[in-house]
């Protein structure tokens, strides 16, 4: 329900030059020779941002437990870019950013 965070979001929050998903995505794509005019909206698999009854969106701490995971299956070749949320001043990550583990296995 939210676009990728970007440098403007962090600048408004008083954190200039903070890592962000938009720049991380664009830099990863650039290493593959891909340049986009805009960052596509992310698929947030673990973000807890449900609409309130009055329509407001509230970013709450993730309810994903440590070690939580999702399994995806690619039906064709693809370039996959994964970013871990770098929000460390909001309840999204409980104030702590942690590493993620991505495992890619050959399909059958």
C-alpha atoms as a PDB file:
ATOM      1  CA  UNK A   1       0.000   0.000   0.000  1.00  0.00           C
ATOM      2  CA  UNK A   2       3.058   2.250   0.119  1.00  0.00           C
ATOM      3  CA  UNK A   3       5.586   3.169  -2.536  1.00  0.00           C
ATOM      4  CA  UNK A   4       9.243   2.335  -1.964  1.00  0.00           C
ATOM      5  CA  UNK A   5      10.838   4.682   0.558  1.00  0.00           C
ATOM      6  CA  UNK A   6      13.155   7.243  -0.987  1.00  0.00           C
ATOM      7  CA  UNK A   7      15.675   9.909  -0.052  1.00  0.00           C
ATOM      8  CA  UNK A   8      12.963  12.607   0.127  1.00  0.00           C
ATOM      9  CA  UNK A   9      11.100  10.661   2.820  1.00  0.00           C
ATOM     10  CA  UNK A  10      14.210  10.469   4.969  1.00  0.00           C
ATOM     11  CA  UNK A  11      15.157  14.096   4.345  1.00  0.00           C
ATOM     12  CA  UNK A  12      11.691  15.184   5.564  1.00  0.00           C
ATOM     13  CA  UNK A  13      12.229  13.021   8.672  1.00  0.00           C
ATOM     14  CA  UNK A  14      15.580  14.708   9.320  1.00  0.00           C
ATOM     15  CA  UNK A  15      17.789  11.879   8.045  1.00  0.00           C
ATOM     16  CA  UNK A  16      19.619  13.077   4.928  1.00  0.00           C
ATOM     17  CA  UNK A  17      21.629  10.524   2.930  1.00  0.00           C
ATOM     18  CA  UNK A  18      19.833   7.580   4.593  1.00  0.00           C
ATOM     19  CA  UNK A  19      19.786   4.239   2.711  1.00  0.00           C
ATOM     20  CA  UNK A  20      16.413   3.666   1.050  1.00  0.00           C
ATOM     21  CA  UNK A  21      14.622   1.057  -1.033  1.00  0.00           C
ATOM     22  CA  UNK A  22      14.216   3.214  -4.141  1.00  0.00           C
ATOM     23  CA  UNK A  23      17.922   4.004  -4.457  1.00  0.00           C
ATOM     24  CA  UNK A  24      18.882   0.415  -3.572  1.00  0.00           C
ATOM     25  CA  UNK A  25      16.559  -0.892  -6.300  1.00  0.00           C
ATOM     26  CA  UNK A  26      17.730   1.569  -8.947  1.00  0.00           C
ATOM     27  CA  UNK A  27      21.395   0.883  -8.160  1.00  0.00           C
ATOM     28  CA  UNK A  28      20.860  -2.887  -8.383  1.00  0.00           C
ATOM     29  CA  UNK A  29      19.097  -2.506 -11.739  1.00  0.00           C
ATOM     30  CA  UNK A  30      21.848  -0.191 -13.023  1.00  0.00           C
ATOM     31  CA  UNK A  31      24.438  -2.905 -12.389  1.00  0.00           C
ATOM     32  CA  UNK A  32      22.452  -5.023 -14.857  1.00  0.00           C
ATOM     33  CA  UNK A  33      22.282  -2.187 -17.398  1.00  0.00           C
ATOM     34  CA  UNK A  34      18.632  -1.434 -16.666  1.00  0.00           C
ATOM     35  CA  UNK A  35      17.444   2.155 -16.277  1.00  0.00           C
ATOM     36  CA  UNK A  36      13.837   2.925 -15.377  1.00  0.00           C
ATOM     37  CA  UNK A  37      12.132   6.336 -15.460  1.00  0.00           C
ATOM     38  CA  UNK A  38      10.540   5.589 -12.060  1.00  0.00           C
ATOM     39  CA  UNK A  39      10.677   2.958  -9.338  1.00  0.00           C
ATOM     40  CA  UNK A  40       7.854   0.448  -9.612  1.00  0.00           C
ATOM     41  CA  UNK A  41       5.742  -0.063  -6.520  1.00  0.00           C
ATOM     42  CA  UNK A  42       7.185  -2.777  -4.287  1.00  0.00           C
ATOM     43  CA  UNK A  43       5.566  -5.980  -3.189  1.00  0.00           C
ATOM     44  CA  UNK A  44       5.848  -5.732   0.588  1.00  0.00           C
ATOM     45  CA  UNK A  45       5.700  -9.276   1.865  1.00  0.00           C
ATOM     46  CA  UNK A  46       6.090  -8.600   5.577  1.00  0.00           C
ATOM     47  CA  UNK A  47       5.062  -4.966   6.114  1.00  0.00           C
ATOM     48  CA  UNK A  48       2.164  -4.464   8.511  1.00  0.00           C
ATOM     49  CA  UNK A  49       0.326  -1.437   7.090  1.00  0.00           C
ATOM     50  CA  UNK A  50      -3.363  -2.095   7.117  1.00  0.00           C
ATOM     51  CA  UNK A  51      -6.006   0.575   6.499  1.00  0.00           C
ATOM     52  CA  UNK A  52      -7.767   1.871   9.582  1.00  0.00           C
ATOM     53  CA  UNK A  53     -11.599   2.022   9.593  1.00  0.00           C
ATOM     54  CA  UNK A  54     -11.396   5.748   8.732  1.00  0.00           C
ATOM     55  CA  UNK A  55      -9.198   5.014   5.677  1.00  0.00           C
ATOM     56  CA  UNK A  56      -5.871   6.163   7.156  1.00  0.00           C
ATOM     57  CA  UNK A  57      -2.858   3.952   6.571  1.00  0.00           C
ATOM     58  CA  UNK A  58      -0.828   3.223   9.673  1.00  0.00           C
ATOM     59  CA  UNK A  59       2.602   1.619   9.578  1.00  0.00           C
ATOM     60  CA  UNK A  60       2.844  -0.742  12.527  1.00  0.00           C
ATOM     61  CA  UNK A  61       5.602  -3.085  13.640  1.00  0.00           C
ATOM     62  CA  UNK A  62       5.850  -6.202  11.521  1.00  0.00           C
ATOM     63  CA  UNK A  63       4.031  -9.240  12.821  1.00  0.00           C
ATOM     64  CA  UNK A  64       6.370 -11.528  10.887  1.00  0.00           C
ATOM     65  CA  UNK A  65       8.146 -13.767  13.392  1.00  0.00           C
ATOM     66  CA  UNK A  66      11.929 -14.220  13.339  1.00  0.00           C
ATOM     67  CA  UNK A  67      12.685 -16.827  10.707  1.00  0.00           C
ATOM     68  CA  UNK A  68       9.439 -16.119   8.861  1.00  0.00           C
ATOM     69  CA  UNK A  69       9.580 -16.803   5.165  1.00  0.00           C
ATOM     70  CA  UNK A  70       7.721 -16.828   1.897  1.00  0.00           C
ATOM     71  CA  UNK A  71       8.199 -19.222  -1.004  1.00  0.00           C
ATOM     72  CA  UNK A  72       7.758 -17.937  -4.541  1.00  0.00           C
ATOM     73  CA  UNK A  73       7.904 -19.880  -7.800  1.00  0.00           C
ATOM     74  CA  UNK A  74       9.128 -18.262 -11.018  1.00  0.00           C
ATOM     75  CA  UNK A  75       7.333 -19.490 -14.125  1.00  0.00           C
ATOM     76  CA  UNK A  76       9.934 -17.925 -16.442  1.00  0.00           C
ATOM     77  CA  UNK A  77      13.432 -16.451 -16.271  1.00  0.00           C
ATOM     78  CA  UNK A  78      13.553 -13.228 -14.311  1.00  0.00           C
ATOM     79  CA  UNK A  79      15.768 -10.674 -12.634  1.00  0.00           C
ATOM     80  CA  UNK A  80      14.866 -10.574  -8.963  1.00  0.00           C
ATOM     81  CA  UNK A  81      15.810  -7.572  -6.837  1.00  0.00           C
ATOM     82  CA  UNK A  82      15.238  -7.900  -3.107  1.00  0.00           C
ATOM     83  CA  UNK A  83      15.625  -5.056  -0.654  1.00  0.00           C
ATOM     84  CA  UNK A  84      15.288  -5.247   3.098  1.00  0.00           C
ATOM     85  CA  UNK A  85      13.473  -2.302   4.616  1.00  0.00           C
ATOM     86  CA  UNK A  86      15.939   0.207   6.026  1.00  0.00           C
ATOM     87  CA  UNK A  87      13.443   2.143   8.131  1.00  0.00           C
ATOM     88  CA  UNK A  88      15.083   2.356  11.534  1.00  0.00           C
ATOM     89  CA  UNK A  89      13.264   5.370  12.984  1.00  0.00           C
ATOM     90  CA  UNK A  90       9.692   4.058  12.717  1.00  0.00           C
ATOM     91  CA  UNK A  91       7.977   1.029  14.261  1.00  0.00           C
ATOM     92  CA  UNK A  92       8.151  -0.880  10.945  1.00  0.00           C
ATOM     93  CA  UNK A  93      11.213  -2.878  11.993  1.00  0.00           C
ATOM     94  CA  UNK A  94      10.888  -2.356  15.714  1.00  0.00           C
ATOM     95  CA  UNK A  95      13.680   0.220  15.418  1.00  0.00           C
ATOM     96  CA  UNK A  96      16.181  -2.456  14.377  1.00  0.00           C
ATOM     97  CA  UNK A  97      17.110  -3.411  10.822  1.00  0.00           C
ATOM     98  CA  UNK A  98      18.247  -6.993  10.435  1.00  0.00           C
ATOM     99  CA  UNK A  99      19.702  -8.997   7.592  1.00  0.00           C
ATOM    100  CA  UNK A 100      17.588 -11.173   5.356  1.00  0.00           C
ATOM    101  CA  UNK A 101      18.463 -14.499   3.803  1.00  0.00           C
ATOM    102  CA  UNK A 102      17.421 -15.246   0.228  1.00  0.00           C
ATOM    103  CA  UNK A 103      17.660 -18.809  -1.016  1.00  0.00           C
ATOM    104  CA  UNK A 104      17.193 -19.645  -4.682  1.00  0.00           C
ATOM    105  CA  UNK A 105      16.726 -23.275  -5.581  1.00  0.00           C
ATOM    106  CA  UNK A 106      16.351 -24.831  -9.014  1.00  0.00           C
ATOM    107  CA  UNK A 107      12.809 -25.765  -9.858  1.00  0.00           C
ATOM    108  CA  UNK A 108      11.598 -29.104 -11.056  1.00  0.00           C
END
